Amino acid sequence: MFVTHSFRIPYEKYLYEELRMMQREAASVWNDIVREATSYYVSRKKWLSKAEIQSVRKQTYQLHSQTVQAIADKYEANRETIHSFEKRIKRRSIRGEENTIIASH
């Protein structure tokens, strides 16, 4: 188990509002990428490449371009991780092993 602590950094109120707006914008980027990539996969049976995701997202949001690029990179990394887990589970089921994933911390 991980213990986390939350605390406020003493910034001015307007800065908190600005950070909250950026957080919402980043969430919007993530949700748009997931929606678009899933729709693309359903219609074409292949995933969008990282370059395609990034090119569509350019100059669309009120965030720095490198921030948007980092979100797209994270999405790609998550998709690759899920794919490797699915392959591992499929191999185990073919060999007749139990389908359990043991998470290490």
PDB file of N, CA and C in Angstrom:
ATOM      1  N   MET A   1       0.837  -1.160   0.000  1.00  0.00           N
ATOM      2  CA  MET A   1       0.000   0.000   0.000  1.00  0.00           C
ATOM      3  C   MET A   1       0.896   1.242   0.000  1.00  0.00           C
ATOM      4  N   PHE A   2       0.456   2.241  -0.725  1.00  0.00           N
ATOM      5  CA  PHE A   2       1.182   3.497  -0.782  1.00  0.00           C
ATOM      6  C   PHE A   2       0.423   4.539   0.026  1.00  0.00           C
ATOM      7  N   VAL A   3       1.111   5.283   0.831  1.00  0.00           N
ATOM      8  CA  VAL A   3       0.509   6.364   1.603  1.00  0.00           C
ATOM      9  C   VAL A   3       0.845   7.667   0.897  1.00  0.00           C
ATOM     10  N   THR A   4      -0.172   8.450   0.646  1.00  0.00           N
ATOM     11  CA  THR A   4       0.049   9.736  -0.012  1.00  0.00           C
ATOM     12  C   THR A   4      -0.442  10.851   0.887  1.00  0.00           C
ATOM     13  N   HIS A   5       0.134  11.991   0.716  1.00  0.00           N
ATOM     14  CA  HIS A   5      -0.262  13.162   1.486  1.00  0.00           C
ATOM     15  C   HIS A   5      -0.573  14.281   0.506  1.00  0.00           C
ATOM     16  N   SER A   6      -1.553  15.051   0.839  1.00  0.00           N
ATOM     17  CA  SER A   6      -1.956  16.165   0.000  1.00  0.00           C
ATOM     18  C   SER A   6      -1.796  17.450   0.803  1.00  0.00           C
ATOM     19  N   PHE A   7      -1.251  18.463   0.162  1.00  0.00           N
ATOM     20  CA  PHE A   7      -1.123  19.741   0.835  1.00  0.00           C
ATOM     21  C   PHE A   7      -1.169  20.844  -0.208  1.00  0.00           C
ATOM     22  N   ARG A   8      -1.577  21.989   0.224  1.00  0.00           N
ATOM     23  CA  ARG A   8      -1.672  23.141  -0.670  1.00  0.00           C
ATOM     24  C   ARG A   8      -0.370  23.914  -0.648  1.00  0.00           C
ATOM     25  N   ILE A   9       0.097  24.229  -1.824  1.00  0.00           N
ATOM     26  CA  ILE A   9       1.259  25.095  -1.940  1.00  0.00           C
ATOM     27  C   ILE A   9       0.726  26.524  -1.866  1.00  0.00           C
ATOM     28  N   PRO A  10       1.326  27.368  -1.066  1.00  0.00           N
ATOM     29  CA  PRO A  10       0.758  28.710  -0.850  1.00  0.00           C
ATOM     30  C   PRO A  10       0.942  29.645  -2.058  1.00  0.00           C
ATOM     31  N   TYR A  11       0.111  29.446  -3.072  1.00  0.00           N
ATOM     32  CA  TYR A  11       0.088  30.342  -4.234  1.00  0.00           C
ATOM     33  C   TYR A  11      -1.093  31.288  -4.108  1.00  0.00           C
ATOM     34  N   GLU A  12      -1.093  32.269  -4.951  1.00  0.00           N
ATOM     35  CA  GLU A  12      -2.234  33.179  -5.018  1.00  0.00           C
ATOM     36  C   GLU A  12      -3.434  32.436  -5.603  1.00  0.00           C
ATOM     37  N   LYS A  13      -4.625  32.875  -5.266  1.00  0.00           N
ATOM     38  CA  LYS A  13      -5.853  32.209  -5.698  1.00  0.00           C
ATOM     39  C   LYS A  13      -5.946  32.109  -7.222  1.00  0.00           C
ATOM     40  N   TYR A  14      -5.556  33.153  -7.940  1.00  0.00           N
ATOM     41  CA  TYR A  14      -5.645  33.124  -9.402  1.00  0.00           C
ATOM     42  C   TYR A  14      -4.761  32.024  -9.988  1.00  0.00           C
ATOM     43  N   LEU A  15      -3.627  31.730  -9.331  1.00  0.00           N
ATOM     44  CA  LEU A  15      -2.746  30.671  -9.820  1.00  0.00           C
ATOM     45  C   LEU A  15      -3.400  29.305  -9.687  1.00  0.00           C
ATOM     46  N   TYR A  16      -4.095  29.067  -8.570  1.00  0.00           N
ATOM     47  CA  TYR A  16      -4.819  27.812  -8.402  1.00  0.00           C
ATOM     48  C   TYR A  16      -5.867  27.650  -9.498  1.00  0.00           C
ATOM     49  N   GLU A  17      -6.554  28.728  -9.811  1.00  0.00           N
ATOM     50  CA  GLU A  17      -7.567  28.684 -10.863  1.00  0.00           C
ATOM     51  C   GLU A  17      -6.930  28.370 -12.222  1.00  0.00           C
ATOM     52  N   GLU A  18      -5.790  28.975 -12.479  1.00  0.00           N
ATOM     53  CA  GLU A  18      -5.068  28.728 -13.727  1.00  0.00           C
ATOM     54  C   GLU A  18      -4.596  27.274 -13.815  1.00  0.00           C
ATOM     55  N   LEU A  19      -4.066  26.752 -12.717  1.00  0.00           N
ATOM     56  CA  LEU A  19      -3.620  25.347 -12.693  1.00  0.00           C
ATOM     57  C   LEU A  19      -4.801  24.400 -12.881  1.00  0.00           C
ATOM     58  N   ARG A  20      -5.921  24.708 -12.279  1.00  0.00           N
ATOM     59  CA  ARG A  20      -7.121  23.872 -12.428  1.00  0.00           C
ATOM     60  C   ARG A  20      -7.589  23.877 -13.883  1.00  0.00           C
ATOM     61  N   MET A  21      -7.527  25.035 -14.531  1.00  0.00           N
ATOM     62  CA  MET A  21      -7.919  25.120 -15.932  1.00  0.00           C
ATOM     63  C   MET A  21      -6.987  24.266 -16.804  1.00  0.00           C
ATOM     64  N   MET A  22      -5.693  24.310 -16.506  1.00  0.00           N
ATOM     65  CA  MET A  22      -4.730  23.505 -17.262  1.00  0.00           C
ATOM     66  C   MET A  22      -4.964  22.015 -17.030  1.00  0.00           C
ATOM     67  N   GLN A  23      -5.309  21.667 -15.802  1.00  0.00           N
ATOM     68  CA  GLN A  23      -5.602  20.268 -15.488  1.00  0.00           C
ATOM     69  C   GLN A  23      -6.805  19.783 -16.298  1.00  0.00           C
ATOM     70  N   ARG A  24      -7.831  20.597 -16.379  1.00  0.00           N
ATOM     71  CA  ARG A  24      -9.018  20.240 -17.165  1.00  0.00           C
ATOM     72  C   ARG A  24      -8.685  20.133 -18.657  1.00  0.00           C
ATOM     73  N   GLU A  25      -7.854  21.021 -19.128  1.00  0.00           N
ATOM     74  CA  GLU A  25      -7.453  20.993 -20.536  1.00  0.00           C
ATOM     75  C   GLU A  25      -6.655  19.724 -20.843  1.00  0.00           C
ATOM     76  N   ALA A  26      -5.767  19.328 -19.936  1.00  0.00           N
ATOM     77  CA  ALA A  26      -4.996  18.094 -20.109  1.00  0.00           C
ATOM     78  C   ALA A  26      -5.924  16.882 -20.113  1.00  0.00           C
ATOM     79  N   ALA A  27      -6.928  16.880 -19.242  1.00  0.00           N
ATOM     80  CA  ALA A  27      -7.912  15.791 -19.230  1.00  0.00           C
ATOM     81  C   ALA A  27      -8.690  15.754 -20.532  1.00  0.00           C
ATOM     82  N   SER A  28      -8.976  16.910 -21.072  1.00  0.00           N
ATOM     83  CA  SER A  28      -9.680  16.989 -22.353  1.00  0.00           C
ATOM     84  C   SER A  28      -8.822  16.401 -23.475  1.00  0.00           C
ATOM     85  N   VAL A  29      -7.524  16.689 -23.461  1.00  0.00           N
ATOM     86  CA  VAL A  29      -6.601  16.125 -24.453  1.00  0.00           C
ATOM     87  C   VAL A  29      -6.633  14.598 -24.364  1.00  0.00           C
ATOM     88  N   TRP A  30      -6.475  14.072 -23.148  1.00  0.00           N
ATOM     89  CA  TRP A  30      -6.473  12.616 -22.938  1.00  0.00           C
ATOM     90  C   TRP A  30      -7.777  11.992 -23.447  1.00  0.00           C
ATOM     91  N   ASN A  31      -8.912  12.554 -23.041  1.00  0.00           N
ATOM     92  CA  ASN A  31     -10.206  12.000 -23.442  1.00  0.00           C
ATOM     93  C   ASN A  31     -10.399  12.051 -24.954  1.00  0.00           C
ATOM     94  N   ASP A  32      -9.971  13.126 -25.583  1.00  0.00           N
ATOM     95  CA  ASP A  32     -10.085  13.236 -27.037  1.00  0.00           C
ATOM     96  C   ASP A  32      -9.210  12.197 -27.741  1.00  0.00           C
ATOM     97  N   ILE A  33      -8.004  11.977 -27.224  1.00  0.00           N
ATOM     98  CA  ILE A  33      -7.117  10.979 -27.819  1.00  0.00           C
ATOM     99  C   ILE A  33      -7.731   9.587 -27.701  1.00  0.00           C
ATOM    100  N   VAL A  34      -8.222   9.258 -26.516  1.00  0.00           N
ATOM    101  CA  VAL A  34      -8.842   7.938 -26.309  1.00  0.00           C
ATOM    102  C   VAL A  34     -10.040   7.764 -27.233  1.00  0.00           C
ATOM    103  N   ARG A  35     -10.900   8.759 -27.297  1.00  0.00           N
ATOM    104  CA  ARG A  35     -12.103   8.688 -28.134  1.00  0.00           C
ATOM    105  C   ARG A  35     -11.731   8.518 -29.604  1.00  0.00           C
ATOM    106  N   GLU A  36     -10.801   9.331 -30.075  1.00  0.00           N
ATOM    107  CA  GLU A  36     -10.420   9.286 -31.486  1.00  0.00           C
ATOM    108  C   GLU A  36      -9.714   7.977 -31.847  1.00  0.00           C
ATOM    109  N   ALA A  37      -8.790   7.541 -30.999  1.00  0.00           N
ATOM    110  CA  ALA A  37      -8.047   6.303 -31.281  1.00  0.00           C
ATOM    111  C   ALA A  37      -8.978   5.091 -31.266  1.00  0.00           C
ATOM    112  N   THR A  38      -9.908   5.066 -30.327  1.00  0.00           N
ATOM    113  CA  THR A  38     -10.857   3.953 -30.253  1.00  0.00           C
ATOM    114  C   THR A  38     -11.763   3.941 -31.471  1.00  0.00           C
ATOM    115  N   SER A  39     -12.251   5.090 -31.856  1.00  0.00           N
ATOM    116  CA  SER A  39     -13.111   5.186 -33.039  1.00  0.00           C
ATOM    117  C   SER A  39     -12.361   4.736 -34.288  1.00  0.00           C
ATOM    118  N   TYR A  40     -11.113   5.166 -34.403  1.00  0.00           N
ATOM    119  CA  TYR A  40     -10.279   4.773 -35.548  1.00  0.00           C
ATOM    120  C   TYR A  40     -10.090   3.257 -35.573  1.00  0.00           C
ATOM    121  N   TYR A  41      -9.834   2.682 -34.406  1.00  0.00           N
ATOM    122  CA  TYR A  41      -9.620   1.230 -34.335  1.00  0.00           C
ATOM    123  C   TYR A  41     -10.891   0.467 -34.711  1.00  0.00           C
ATOM    124  N   VAL A  42     -12.034   0.930 -34.231  1.00  0.00           N
ATOM    125  CA  VAL A  42     -13.300   0.252 -34.525  1.00  0.00           C
ATOM    126  C   VAL A  42     -13.593   0.284 -36.025  1.00  0.00           C
ATOM    127  N   SER A  43     -13.311   1.395 -36.665  1.00  0.00           N
ATOM    128  CA  SER A  43     -13.628   1.515 -38.091  1.00  0.00           C
ATOM    129  C   SER A  43     -12.584   0.880 -39.005  1.00  0.00           C
ATOM    130  N   ARG A  44     -11.303   0.884 -38.605  1.00  0.00           N
ATOM    131  CA  ARG A  44     -10.248   0.400 -39.511  1.00  0.00           C
ATOM    132  C   ARG A  44      -9.503  -0.836 -39.009  1.00  0.00           C
ATOM    133  N   LYS A  45      -9.781  -1.271 -37.798  1.00  0.00           N
ATOM    134  CA  LYS A  45      -9.140  -2.452 -37.195  1.00  0.00           C
ATOM    135  C   LYS A  45      -7.621  -2.309 -37.077  1.00  0.00           C
ATOM    136  N   LYS A  46      -7.166  -1.088 -36.927  1.00  0.00           N
ATOM    137  CA  LYS A  46      -5.764  -0.831 -36.621  1.00  0.00           C
ATOM    138  C   LYS A  46      -5.698   0.447 -35.803  1.00  0.00           C
ATOM    139  N   TRP A  47      -4.635   0.559 -35.006  1.00  0.00           N
ATOM    140  CA  TRP A  47      -4.501   1.702 -34.119  1.00  0.00           C
ATOM    141  C   TRP A  47      -3.818   2.869 -34.814  1.00  0.00           C
ATOM    142  N   LEU A  48      -4.173   4.067 -34.398  1.00  0.00           N
ATOM    143  CA  LEU A  48      -3.464   5.253 -34.863  1.00  0.00           C
ATOM    144  C   LEU A  48      -2.030   5.206 -34.343  1.00  0.00           C
ATOM    145  N   SER A  49      -1.102   5.647 -35.150  1.00  0.00           N
ATOM    146  CA  SER A  49       0.288   5.711 -34.684  1.00  0.00           C
ATOM    147  C   SER A  49       0.465   6.928 -33.784  1.00  0.00           C
ATOM    148  N   LYS A  50       1.537   6.926 -33.034  1.00  0.00           N
ATOM    149  CA  LYS A  50       1.828   8.057 -32.150  1.00  0.00           C
ATOM    150  C   LYS A  50       1.975   9.343 -32.962  1.00  0.00           C
ATOM    151  N   ALA A  51       2.616   9.267 -34.103  1.00  0.00           N
ATOM    152  CA  ALA A  51       2.803  10.451 -34.952  1.00  0.00           C
ATOM    153  C   ALA A  51       1.454  10.987 -35.450  1.00  0.00           C
ATOM    154  N   GLU A  52       0.540  10.093 -35.803  1.00  0.00           N
ATOM    155  CA  GLU A  52      -0.786  10.527 -36.262  1.00  0.00           C
ATOM    156  C   GLU A  52      -1.562  11.194 -35.129  1.00  0.00           C
ATOM    157  N   ILE A  53      -1.475  10.619 -33.955  1.00  0.00           N
ATOM    158  CA  ILE A  53      -2.157  11.208 -32.799  1.00  0.00           C
ATOM    159  C   ILE A  53      -1.616  12.605 -32.533  1.00  0.00           C
ATOM    160  N   GLN A  54      -0.304  12.739 -32.550  1.00  0.00           N
ATOM    161  CA  GLN A  54       0.308  14.031 -32.245  1.00  0.00           C
ATOM    162  C   GLN A  54       0.023  15.066 -33.327  1.00  0.00           C
ATOM    163  N   SER A  55       0.009  14.650 -34.588  1.00  0.00           N
ATOM    164  CA  SER A  55      -0.227  15.626 -35.664  1.00  0.00           C
ATOM    165  C   SER A  55      -1.646  16.180 -35.622  1.00  0.00           C
ATOM    166  N   VAL A  56      -2.609  15.347 -35.244  1.00  0.00           N
ATOM    167  CA  VAL A  56      -3.996  15.812 -35.158  1.00  0.00           C
ATOM    168  C   VAL A  56      -4.170  16.773 -33.989  1.00  0.00           C
ATOM    169  N   ARG A  57      -3.425  16.583 -32.924  1.00  0.00           N
ATOM    170  CA  ARG A  57      -3.568  17.372 -31.695  1.00  0.00           C
ATOM    171  C   ARG A  57      -2.822  18.703 -31.744  1.00  0.00           C
ATOM    172  N   LYS A  58      -1.989  18.917 -32.746  1.00  0.00           N
ATOM    173  CA  LYS A  58      -1.180  20.139 -32.802  1.00  0.00           C
ATOM    174  C   LYS A  58      -2.053  21.390 -32.814  1.00  0.00           C
ATOM    175  N   GLN A  59      -1.668  22.365 -31.997  1.00  0.00           N
ATOM    176  CA  GLN A  59      -2.276  23.700 -31.994  1.00  0.00           C
ATOM    177  C   GLN A  59      -3.786  23.669 -31.751  1.00  0.00           C
ATOM    178  N   THR A  60      -4.277  22.664 -31.038  1.00  0.00           N
ATOM    179  CA  THR A  60      -5.709  22.533 -30.800  1.00  0.00           C
ATOM    180  C   THR A  60      -6.101  22.949 -29.389  1.00  0.00           C
ATOM    181  N   TYR A  61      -5.175  22.936 -28.468  1.00  0.00           N
ATOM    182  CA  TYR A  61      -5.483  23.147 -27.056  1.00  0.00           C
ATOM    183  C   TYR A  61      -4.718  24.335 -26.490  1.00  0.00           C
ATOM    184  N   GLN A  62      -5.171  24.791 -25.356  1.00  0.00           N
ATOM    185  CA  GLN A  62      -4.536  25.918 -24.662  1.00  0.00           C
ATOM    186  C   GLN A  62      -3.425  25.420 -23.738  1.00  0.00           C
ATOM    187  N   LEU A  63      -2.634  24.478 -24.221  1.00  0.00           N
ATOM    188  CA  LEU A  63      -1.493  23.945 -23.480  1.00  0.00           C
ATOM    189  C   LEU A  63      -0.263  24.025 -24.373  1.00  0.00           C
ATOM    190  N   HIS A  64       0.895  23.985 -23.777  1.00  0.00           N
ATOM    191  CA  HIS A  64       2.142  23.968 -24.544  1.00  0.00           C
ATOM    192  C   HIS A  64       2.169  22.710 -25.403  1.00  0.00           C
ATOM    193  N   SER A  65       2.708  22.813 -26.596  1.00  0.00           N
ATOM    194  CA  SER A  65       2.719  21.683 -27.530  1.00  0.00           C
ATOM    195  C   SER A  65       3.457  20.469 -26.966  1.00  0.00           C
ATOM    196  N   GLN A  66       4.491  20.717 -26.159  1.00  0.00           N
ATOM    197  CA  GLN A  66       5.221  19.589 -25.567  1.00  0.00           C
ATOM    198  C   GLN A  66       4.387  18.874 -24.512  1.00  0.00           C
ATOM    199  N   THR A  67       3.489  19.587 -23.854  1.00  0.00           N
ATOM    200  CA  THR A  67       2.590  18.967 -22.884  1.00  0.00           C
ATOM    201  C   THR A  67       1.625  18.040 -23.603  1.00  0.00           C
ATOM    202  N   VAL A  68       1.060  18.519 -24.699  1.00  0.00           N
ATOM    203  CA  VAL A  68       0.145  17.697 -25.488  1.00  0.00           C
ATOM    204  C   VAL A  68       0.889  16.480 -26.041  1.00  0.00           C
ATOM    205  N   GLN A  69       2.100  16.677 -26.491  1.00  0.00           N
ATOM    206  CA  GLN A  69       2.915  15.577 -27.009  1.00  0.00           C
ATOM    207  C   GLN A  69       3.203  14.560 -25.900  1.00  0.00           C
ATOM    208  N   ALA A  70       3.481  15.016 -24.705  1.00  0.00           N
ATOM    209  CA  ALA A  70       3.745  14.109 -23.582  1.00  0.00           C
ATOM    210  C   ALA A  70       2.505  13.289 -23.230  1.00  0.00           C
ATOM    211  N   ILE A  71       1.323  13.897 -23.321  1.00  0.00           N
ATOM    212  CA  ILE A  71       0.082  13.158 -23.057  1.00  0.00           C
ATOM    213  C   ILE A  71      -0.114  12.084 -24.118  1.00  0.00           C
ATOM    214  N   ALA A  72       0.160  12.415 -25.376  1.00  0.00           N
ATOM    215  CA  ALA A  72       0.054  11.423 -26.453  1.00  0.00           C
ATOM    216  C   ALA A  72       1.070  10.297 -26.254  1.00  0.00           C
ATOM    217  N   ASP A  73       2.269  10.634 -25.827  1.00  0.00           N
ATOM    218  CA  ASP A  73       3.288   9.612 -25.547  1.00  0.00           C
ATOM    219  C   ASP A  73       2.826   8.674 -24.437  1.00  0.00           C
ATOM    220  N   LYS A  74       2.224   9.240 -23.403  1.00  0.00           N
ATOM    221  CA  LYS A  74       1.735   8.432 -22.281  1.00  0.00           C
ATOM    222  C   LYS A  74       0.612   7.497 -22.740  1.00  0.00           C
ATOM    223  N   TYR A  75      -0.262   7.999 -23.597  1.00  0.00           N
ATOM    224  CA  TYR A  75      -1.333   7.153 -24.130  1.00  0.00           C
ATOM    225  C   TYR A  75      -0.735   5.978 -24.907  1.00  0.00           C
ATOM    226  N   GLU A  76       0.232   6.263 -25.746  1.00  0.00           N
ATOM    227  CA  GLU A  76       0.887   5.217 -26.544  1.00  0.00           C
ATOM    228  C   GLU A  76       1.558   4.186 -25.638  1.00  0.00           C
ATOM    229  N   ALA A  77       2.244   4.649 -24.604  1.00  0.00           N
ATOM    230  CA  ALA A  77       2.903   3.724 -23.670  1.00  0.00           C
ATOM    231  C   ALA A  77       1.879   2.853 -22.949  1.00  0.00           C
ATOM    232  N   ASN A  78       0.770   3.436 -22.532  1.00  0.00           N
ATOM    233  CA  ASN A  78      -0.282   2.654 -21.875  1.00  0.00           C
ATOM    234  C   ASN A  78      -0.866   1.610 -22.806  1.00  0.00           C
ATOM    235  N   ARG A  79      -1.073   1.985 -24.056  1.00  0.00           N
ATOM    236  CA  ARG A  79      -1.626   1.043 -25.039  1.00  0.00           C
ATOM    237  C   ARG A  79      -0.666  -0.121 -25.275  1.00  0.00           C
ATOM    238  N   GLU A  80       0.618   0.163 -25.351  1.00  0.00           N
ATOM    239  CA  GLU A  80       1.616  -0.897 -25.534  1.00  0.00           C
ATOM    240  C   GLU A  80       1.682  -1.816 -24.322  1.00  0.00           C
ATOM    241  N   THR A  81       1.562  -1.252 -23.122  1.00  0.00           N
ATOM    242  CA  THR A  81       1.567  -2.066 -21.904  1.00  0.00           C
ATOM    243  C   THR A  81       0.370  -3.006 -21.877  1.00  0.00           C
ATOM    244  N   ILE A  82      -0.802  -2.487 -22.196  1.00  0.00           N
ATOM    245  CA  ILE A  82      -2.001  -3.325 -22.232  1.00  0.00           C
ATOM    246  C   ILE A  82      -1.846  -4.426 -23.265  1.00  0.00           C
ATOM    247  N   HIS A  83      -1.293  -4.092 -24.415  1.00  0.00           N
ATOM    248  CA  HIS A  83      -1.092  -5.094 -25.466  1.00  0.00           C
ATOM    249  C   HIS A  83      -0.159  -6.209 -24.990  1.00  0.00           C
ATOM    250  N   SER A  84       0.911  -5.851 -24.286  1.00  0.00           N
ATOM    251  CA  SER A  84       1.837  -6.883 -23.802  1.00  0.00           C
ATOM    252  C   SER A  84       1.167  -7.756 -22.737  1.00  0.00           C
ATOM    253  N   PHE A  85       0.324  -7.156 -21.863  1.00  0.00           N
ATOM    254  CA  PHE A  85      -0.413  -7.944 -20.885  1.00  0.00           C
ATOM    255  C   PHE A  85      -1.373  -8.914 -21.569  1.00  0.00           C
ATOM    256  N   GLU A  86      -2.065  -8.425 -22.597  1.00  0.00           N
ATOM    257  CA  GLU A  86      -3.009  -9.286 -23.315  1.00  0.00           C
ATOM    258  C   GLU A  86      -2.294 -10.450 -23.981  1.00  0.00           C
ATOM    259  N   LYS A  87      -1.121 -10.192 -24.564  1.00  0.00           N
ATOM    260  CA  LYS A  87      -0.348 -11.274 -25.179  1.00  0.00           C
ATOM    261  C   LYS A  87       0.078 -12.295 -24.133  1.00  0.00           C
ATOM    262  N   ARG A  88       0.511 -11.815 -22.975  1.00  0.00           N
ATOM    263  CA  ARG A  88       0.947 -12.709 -21.907  1.00  0.00           C
ATOM    264  C   ARG A  88      -0.221 -13.578 -21.411  1.00  0.00           C
ATOM    265  N   ILE A  89      -1.383 -12.970 -21.227  1.00  0.00           N
ATOM    266  CA  ILE A  89      -2.562 -13.712 -20.780  1.00  0.00           C
ATOM    267  C   ILE A  89      -2.973 -14.736 -21.830  1.00  0.00           C
ATOM    268  N   LYS A  90      -2.906 -14.348 -23.099  1.00  0.00           N
ATOM    269  CA  LYS A  90      -3.261 -15.272 -24.172  1.00  0.00           C
ATOM    270  C   LYS A  90      -2.310 -16.472 -24.192  1.00  0.00           C
ATOM    271  N   ARG A  91      -1.021 -16.238 -24.023  1.00  0.00           N
ATOM    272  CA  ARG A  91      -0.045 -17.340 -23.980  1.00  0.00           C
ATOM    273  C   ARG A  91      -0.333 -18.274 -22.817  1.00  0.00           C
ATOM    274  N   ARG A  92      -0.673 -17.693 -21.670  1.00  0.00           N
ATOM    275  CA  ARG A  92      -0.974 -18.514 -20.496  1.00  0.00           C
ATOM    276  C   ARG A  92      -2.217 -19.361 -20.725  1.00  0.00           C
ATOM    277  N   SER A  93      -3.227 -18.792 -21.348  1.00  0.00           N
ATOM    278  CA  SER A  93      -4.453 -19.558 -21.570  1.00  0.00           C
ATOM    279  C   SER A  93      -4.220 -20.674 -22.582  1.00  0.00           C
ATOM    280  N   ILE A  94      -3.348 -20.451 -23.542  1.00  0.00           N
ATOM    281  CA  ILE A  94      -3.019 -21.497 -24.520  1.00  0.00           C
ATOM    282  C   ILE A  94      -2.286 -22.629 -23.818  1.00  0.00           C
ATOM    283  N   ARG A  95      -1.407 -22.291 -22.879  1.00  0.00           N
ATOM    284  CA  ARG A  95      -0.661 -23.313 -22.147  1.00  0.00           C
ATOM    285  C   ARG A  95      -1.480 -23.911 -21.015  1.00  0.00           C
ATOM    286  N   GLY A  96      -2.669 -23.380 -20.753  1.00  0.00           N
ATOM    287  CA  GLY A  96      -3.522 -23.913 -19.703  1.00  0.00           C
ATOM    288  C   GLY A  96      -3.207 -23.384 -18.323  1.00  0.00           C
ATOM    289  N   GLU A  97      -2.433 -22.305 -18.247  1.00  0.00           N
ATOM    290  CA  GLU A  97      -2.103 -21.723 -16.951  1.00  0.00           C
ATOM    291  C   GLU A  97      -3.238 -20.821 -16.496  1.00  0.00           C
ATOM    292  N   GLU A  98      -3.254 -20.550 -15.195  1.00  0.00           N
ATOM    293  CA  GLU A  98      -4.272 -19.684 -14.625  1.00  0.00           C
ATOM    294  C   GLU A  98      -4.062 -18.255 -15.107  1.00  0.00           C
ATOM    295  N   ASN A  99      -5.154 -17.547 -15.363  1.00  0.00           N
ATOM    296  CA  ASN A  99      -5.094 -16.169 -15.853  1.00  0.00           C
ATOM    297  C   ASN A  99      -5.042 -15.174 -14.704  1.00  0.00           C
ATOM    298  N   THR A 100      -3.936 -15.151 -14.009  1.00  0.00           N
ATOM    299  CA  THR A 100      -3.774 -14.177 -12.938  1.00  0.00           C
ATOM    300  C   THR A 100      -2.578 -13.307 -13.232  1.00  0.00           C
ATOM    301  N   ILE A 101      -2.738 -12.066 -12.898  1.00  0.00           N
ATOM    302  CA  ILE A 101      -1.646 -11.111 -13.061  1.00  0.00           C
ATOM    303  C   ILE A 101      -1.220 -10.706 -11.659  1.00  0.00           C
ATOM    304  N   ILE A 102       0.034 -10.861 -11.364  1.00  0.00           N
ATOM    305  CA  ILE A 102       0.559 -10.508 -10.060  1.00  0.00           C
ATOM    306  C   ILE A 102       1.288  -9.176 -10.218  1.00  0.00           C
ATOM    307  N   ALA A 103       0.790  -8.188  -9.503  1.00  0.00           N
ATOM    308  CA  ALA A 103       1.408  -6.858  -9.579  1.00  0.00           C
ATOM    309  C   ALA A 103       2.521  -6.774  -8.545  1.00  0.00           C
ATOM    310  N   SER A 104       3.644  -6.288  -8.985  1.00  0.00           N
ATOM    311  CA  SER A 104       4.747  -6.078  -8.057  1.00  0.00           C
ATOM    312  C   SER A 104       4.887  -4.597  -7.782  1.00  0.00           C
ATOM    313  N   HIS A 105       5.272  -4.278  -6.588  1.00  0.00           N
ATOM    314  CA  HIS A 105       5.414  -2.859  -6.200  1.00  0.00           C
ATOM    315  C   HIS A 105       6.859  -2.501  -6.097  1.00  0.00           C
TER     316      HIS A 105
END
